[in-house]
Amino acid sequence: MCPHDPACPDAEAPDREAARTLACHPEQGWSLLCNGVVLFEDTGELLPSGTVIAPHRPVVGAA
């Protein structure tokens, strides 16, 4: 379904966040990716299947 060449990663692929952005709403804190994934500013995700991916921000180590 992706019209891009090369095609964007599938919504179930580990690199799904690399898909191109179709709609960006920073004022609301989310973006819609080409593969149907809704990506939230806290790094959480909502997949087209309804699966919720919890936020996964990198852990900052102590200095």
N, C-alpha and C. Protein backbone atom coordinates (compact mmCIF):
# COMPACT_ATOMS: atom_id res chain seq x y z
N MET A 1 0.81 -1.20 0.00
CA MET A 1 0.00 0.00 0.00
C MET A 1 0.85 1.26 0.00
N CYS A 2 2.07 1.17 0.50
CA CYS A 2 2.95 2.33 0.56
C CYS A 2 3.38 2.72 -0.84
N PRO A 3 3.20 4.00 -1.22
CA PRO A 3 3.60 4.43 -2.56
C PRO A 3 5.07 4.83 -2.67
N HIS A 4 5.80 4.77 -1.58
CA HIS A 4 7.19 5.22 -1.59
C HIS A 4 8.12 4.14 -2.14
N ASP A 5 9.25 4.58 -2.70
CA ASP A 5 10.24 3.68 -3.23
C ASP A 5 11.59 4.04 -2.62
N PRO A 6 12.16 3.24 -1.77
CA PRO A 6 11.69 1.93 -1.32
C PRO A 6 10.50 2.08 -0.37
N ALA A 7 9.76 1.01 -0.26
CA ALA A 7 8.55 1.02 0.58
C ALA A 7 8.90 1.22 2.05
N CYS A 8 8.02 1.89 2.77
CA CYS A 8 8.20 2.10 4.20
C CYS A 8 8.07 0.76 4.94
N PRO A 9 8.71 0.66 6.11
CA PRO A 9 8.60 -0.58 6.89
C PRO A 9 7.15 -0.83 7.30
N ASP A 10 6.79 -2.09 7.37
CA ASP A 10 5.45 -2.50 7.78
C ASP A 10 5.21 -2.10 9.24
N ALA A 11 3.94 -1.96 9.62
CA ALA A 11 3.59 -1.56 10.98
C ALA A 11 4.04 -2.57 12.03
N GLU A 12 4.25 -3.82 11.65
CA GLU A 12 4.69 -4.85 12.59
C GLU A 12 6.21 -5.02 12.59
N ALA A 13 6.90 -4.32 11.72
CA ALA A 13 8.36 -4.45 11.63
C ALA A 13 9.03 -3.73 12.80
N PRO A 14 10.20 -4.21 13.23
CA PRO A 14 10.91 -3.56 14.34
C PRO A 14 11.30 -2.11 14.04
N ASP A 15 11.50 -1.78 12.76
CA ASP A 15 11.89 -0.42 12.39
C ASP A 15 10.71 0.40 11.87
N ARG A 16 9.50 0.12 12.36
CA ARG A 16 8.27 0.77 11.89
C ARG A 16 8.31 2.29 12.02
N GLU A 17 9.08 2.82 12.97
CA GLU A 17 9.16 4.27 13.18
C GLU A 17 9.90 4.98 12.05
N ALA A 18 10.55 4.22 11.17
CA ALA A 18 11.28 4.81 10.04
C ALA A 18 10.37 5.15 8.87
N ALA A 19 9.09 4.80 8.96
CA ALA A 19 8.14 5.13 7.89
C ALA A 19 7.98 6.65 7.79
N ARG A 20 7.62 7.11 6.62
CA ARG A 20 7.45 8.54 6.40
C ARG A 20 6.20 9.07 7.09
N THR A 21 6.26 10.33 7.48
CA THR A 21 5.14 10.98 8.16
C THR A 21 4.13 11.46 7.14
N LEU A 22 2.85 11.10 7.33
CA LEU A 22 1.77 11.57 6.47
C LEU A 22 1.08 12.79 7.05
N ALA A 23 0.91 12.80 8.36
CA ALA A 23 0.26 13.92 9.05
C ALA A 23 0.97 14.15 10.37
N CYS A 24 1.26 15.40 10.65
CA CYS A 24 1.98 15.75 11.87
C CYS A 24 1.18 16.80 12.64
N HIS A 25 0.88 16.52 13.88
CA HIS A 25 0.12 17.44 14.73
C HIS A 25 0.87 17.64 16.05
N PRO A 26 1.97 18.40 16.02
CA PRO A 26 2.77 18.58 17.24
C PRO A 26 1.99 19.28 18.36
N GLU A 27 1.02 20.09 17.99
CA GLU A 27 0.22 20.77 19.02
C GLU A 27 -0.64 19.78 19.81
N GLN A 28 -0.91 18.61 19.19
CA GLN A 28 -1.68 17.56 19.86
C GLN A 28 -0.79 16.41 20.31
N GLY A 29 0.47 16.41 19.87
CA GLY A 29 1.44 15.43 20.34
C GLY A 29 1.45 14.11 19.59
N TRP A 30 1.03 14.10 18.31
CA TRP A 30 1.05 12.84 17.57
C TRP A 30 1.31 13.06 16.10
N SER A 31 1.74 11.97 15.44
CA SER A 31 1.97 11.96 13.99
C SER A 31 1.46 10.64 13.43
N LEU A 32 0.95 10.69 12.21
CA LEU A 32 0.50 9.48 11.51
C LEU A 32 1.56 9.12 10.49
N LEU A 33 2.05 7.89 10.57
CA LEU A 33 3.07 7.42 9.64
C LEU A 33 2.43 6.69 8.47
N CYS A 34 3.17 6.55 7.39
CA CYS A 34 2.70 5.93 6.16
C CYS A 34 2.19 4.50 6.37
N ASN A 35 2.75 3.81 7.33
CA ASN A 35 2.36 2.42 7.58
C ASN A 35 1.14 2.31 8.51
N GLY A 36 0.52 3.44 8.85
CA GLY A 36 -0.68 3.43 9.68
C GLY A 36 -0.42 3.55 11.16
N VAL A 37 0.83 3.64 11.57
CA VAL A 37 1.19 3.76 12.98
C VAL A 37 0.97 5.21 13.43
N VAL A 38 0.34 5.38 14.59
CA VAL A 38 0.23 6.70 15.21
C VAL A 38 1.35 6.76 16.23
N LEU A 39 2.25 7.72 16.04
CA LEU A 39 3.42 7.89 16.90
C LEU A 39 3.19 9.10 17.80
N PHE A 40 3.30 8.89 19.11
CA PHE A 40 3.06 9.97 20.07
C PHE A 40 4.37 10.59 20.50
N GLU A 41 4.32 11.85 20.94
CA GLU A 41 5.55 12.57 21.31
C GLU A 41 6.27 11.94 22.49
N ASP A 42 5.58 11.15 23.31
CA ASP A 42 6.25 10.48 24.43
C ASP A 42 6.89 9.17 24.00
N THR A 43 6.92 8.91 22.69
CA THR A 43 7.47 7.73 22.01
C THR A 43 6.57 6.50 22.11
N GLY A 44 5.36 6.65 22.64
CA GLY A 44 4.39 5.57 22.59
C GLY A 44 3.85 5.45 21.17
N GLU A 45 3.26 4.30 20.87
CA GLU A 45 2.73 4.06 19.53
C GLU A 45 1.40 3.34 19.60
N LEU A 46 0.58 3.58 18.59
CA LEU A 46 -0.66 2.84 18.40
C LEU A 46 -0.59 2.23 17.01
N LEU A 47 -0.58 0.89 16.94
CA LEU A 47 -0.48 0.20 15.67
C LEU A 47 -1.86 0.08 15.03
N PRO A 48 -1.93 -0.11 13.70
CA PRO A 48 -3.23 -0.24 13.03
C PRO A 48 -4.06 -1.40 13.58
N SER A 49 -3.42 -2.41 14.13
CA SER A 49 -4.14 -3.56 14.70
C SER A 49 -4.80 -3.23 16.03
N GLY A 50 -4.49 -2.05 16.60
CA GLY A 50 -5.01 -1.66 17.90
C GLY A 50 -4.03 -1.94 19.03
N THR A 51 -2.90 -2.56 18.71
CA THR A 51 -1.87 -2.84 19.71
C THR A 51 -1.23 -1.54 20.18
N VAL A 52 -1.05 -1.41 21.48
CA VAL A 52 -0.43 -0.24 22.07
C VAL A 52 1.01 -0.59 22.43
N ILE A 53 1.94 0.25 22.00
CA ILE A 53 3.35 0.10 22.35
C ILE A 53 3.64 1.18 23.39
N ALA A 54 4.08 0.78 24.56
CA ALA A 54 4.37 1.74 25.64
C ALA A 54 5.52 2.65 25.25
N PRO A 55 5.55 3.87 25.81
CA PRO A 55 6.67 4.77 25.56
C PRO A 55 8.00 4.09 25.84
N HIS A 56 8.97 4.38 24.99
CA HIS A 56 10.27 3.72 25.13
C HIS A 56 11.41 4.73 24.95
N ARG A 57 11.36 5.75 25.77
CA ARG A 57 12.42 6.75 25.75
C ARG A 57 13.71 6.12 26.23
N PRO A 58 14.85 6.58 25.70
CA PRO A 58 16.13 6.04 26.18
C PRO A 58 16.36 6.42 27.64
N VAL A 59 16.98 5.53 28.36
CA VAL A 59 17.29 5.76 29.77
C VAL A 59 18.61 6.53 29.83
N VAL A 60 18.60 7.64 30.56
CA VAL A 60 19.80 8.45 30.71
C VAL A 60 20.57 7.93 31.93
N GLY A 61 21.83 7.59 31.71
CA GLY A 61 22.65 7.06 32.80
C GLY A 61 23.14 8.16 33.73
N ALA A 62 23.48 7.80 34.93
CA ALA A 62 24.01 8.75 35.90
C ALA A 62 25.40 9.18 35.49
N ALA A 63 25.71 10.43 35.73
CA ALA A 63 27.03 10.96 35.33
C ALA A 63 28.09 10.63 36.34
